Amino acid sequence: MTTGRCPIEEFLDSLPSKVVQKVLWVFELVRELATIPGQYFKKLPGTDDLWECRISQGGNIYRVFAFFEKGDLVILTHGIMKKTEKTPTKELRKAEEYKADWLQRR
């Protein structure tokens, strides 16, 4: 499906360095905290156990989609700069496709 691409890496490479620093800071919170505040990481309703990592920086909103593998391993699928309140359906479908591809290949 990804034909050798790494969508999350491509997304992070496209961001300004200050945004990447904030994204990495939020990832570190997710990794280290026993209870992660919902403002940073929450399950997406109506999905097959997809989660979103939520980042705000400089008035912009970014989302990184993820799912859990083997209990506590978080697999990042891809990210977007969010322009509307609701998460676009096509991005949810894309995250589910990446998840299905990951599960099939492992």
Protein backbone atom coordinates (compact mmCIF):
# COMPACT_ATOMS: atom_id res chain seq x y z
CA MET A 1 0.00 0.00 0.00
CA THR A 2 2.64 2.56 0.97
CA THR A 3 5.09 1.34 -1.72
CA GLY A 4 8.13 2.06 0.41
CA ARG A 5 6.87 5.45 1.54
CA CYS A 6 6.64 6.52 5.16
CA PRO A 7 3.68 8.94 5.38
CA ILE A 8 4.36 10.01 8.97
CA GLU A 9 7.98 10.79 8.14
CA GLU A 10 6.89 12.76 5.06
CA PHE A 11 4.42 14.72 7.20
CA LEU A 12 7.01 15.56 9.87
CA ASP A 13 9.55 16.54 7.20
CA SER A 14 7.02 19.01 5.76
CA LEU A 15 6.58 20.90 9.06
CA PRO A 16 8.49 23.93 10.36
CA SER A 17 11.09 23.02 12.99
CA LYS A 18 9.15 24.68 15.86
CA VAL A 19 6.11 22.55 15.03
CA VAL A 20 8.25 19.39 14.89
CA GLN A 21 9.64 20.25 18.34
CA LYS A 22 6.10 20.54 19.71
CA VAL A 23 5.03 17.29 18.01
CA LEU A 24 7.99 15.46 19.52
CA TRP A 25 7.22 16.96 22.94
CA VAL A 26 3.64 15.65 22.73
CA PHE A 27 4.91 12.22 21.60
CA GLU A 28 7.16 12.18 24.66
CA LEU A 29 4.15 12.94 26.91
CA VAL A 30 2.23 10.07 25.33
CA ARG A 31 5.19 7.77 25.91
CA GLU A 32 5.92 8.73 29.50
CA LEU A 33 2.63 9.54 31.21
CA ALA A 34 0.47 6.82 32.76
CA THR A 35 -2.65 8.90 32.06
CA ILE A 36 -2.46 11.07 28.97
CA PRO A 37 -4.59 14.23 28.92
CA GLY A 38 -7.33 14.06 26.27
CA GLN A 39 -6.19 17.39 24.88
CA TYR A 40 -3.12 15.58 23.53
CA PHE A 41 -4.26 12.04 22.73
CA LYS A 42 -7.75 10.64 22.28
CA LYS A 43 -9.61 7.77 20.67
CA LEU A 44 -11.51 8.68 17.53
CA PRO A 45 -15.16 7.67 17.85
CA GLY A 46 -16.64 5.53 15.08
CA THR A 47 -13.26 4.10 14.04
CA ASP A 48 -11.59 0.72 14.38
CA ASP A 49 -9.57 1.76 17.45
CA LEU A 50 -7.82 4.72 15.83
CA TRP A 51 -6.39 7.49 17.98
CA GLU A 52 -5.23 10.99 17.26
CA CYS A 53 -2.33 12.87 18.74
CA ARG A 54 -3.40 16.51 18.95
CA ILE A 55 -0.91 19.35 18.57
CA SER A 56 -1.54 23.10 18.55
CA GLN A 57 1.26 25.45 17.60
CA GLY A 58 1.21 29.06 16.49
CA GLY A 59 -2.55 29.12 15.95
CA ASN A 60 -2.46 26.00 13.77
CA ILE A 61 -3.86 22.59 14.65
CA TYR A 62 -2.10 19.38 13.66
CA ARG A 63 -3.27 15.79 14.01
CA VAL A 64 -1.22 12.62 13.88
CA PHE A 65 -3.21 9.42 13.51
CA ALA A 66 -2.19 6.27 15.35
CA PHE A 67 -3.26 2.87 16.63
CA PHE A 68 -2.01 0.49 19.30
CA GLU A 69 -0.21 -2.75 18.50
CA LYS A 70 0.56 -5.44 21.09
CA GLY A 71 -0.87 -3.46 23.98
CA ASP A 72 1.34 -0.43 24.31
CA LEU A 73 3.20 -0.05 21.02
CA VAL A 74 1.85 3.03 19.22
CA ILE A 75 2.00 2.92 15.42
CA LEU A 76 1.82 6.34 13.75
CA THR A 77 0.09 6.34 10.36
CA HIS A 78 0.13 9.89 9.00
CA GLY A 79 -0.62 13.47 9.93
CA ILE A 80 -2.56 16.49 8.74
CA MET A 81 -2.86 20.18 9.41
CA LYS A 82 -6.46 20.46 10.49
CA LYS A 83 -8.52 23.28 9.00
CA THR A 84 -11.98 22.37 10.31
CA GLU A 85 -13.43 21.29 13.66
CA LYS A 86 -14.37 17.85 12.35
CA THR A 87 -11.71 15.37 11.27
CA PRO A 88 -12.10 14.81 7.50
CA THR A 89 -13.62 11.40 6.68
CA LYS A 90 -11.02 10.79 3.95
CA GLU A 91 -8.24 11.12 6.54
CA LEU A 92 -9.96 8.62 8.83
CA ARG A 93 -10.28 6.19 5.92
CA LYS A 94 -6.64 6.71 5.03
CA ALA A 95 -5.58 5.94 8.63
CA GLU A 96 -7.71 2.79 8.61
CA GLU A 97 -6.13 1.72 5.30
CA TYR A 98 -2.63 2.25 6.72
CA LYS A 99 -3.60 0.25 9.81
CA ALA A 100 -4.98 -2.62 7.71
CA ASP A 101 -1.84 -2.59 5.57
CA TRP A 102 0.39 -2.67 8.68
CA LEU A 103 -1.55 -5.55 10.22
CA GLN A 104 -1.49 -7.54 6.99
CA ARG A 105 2.28 -7.09 6.53
CA ARG A 106 3.32 -7.94 10.10
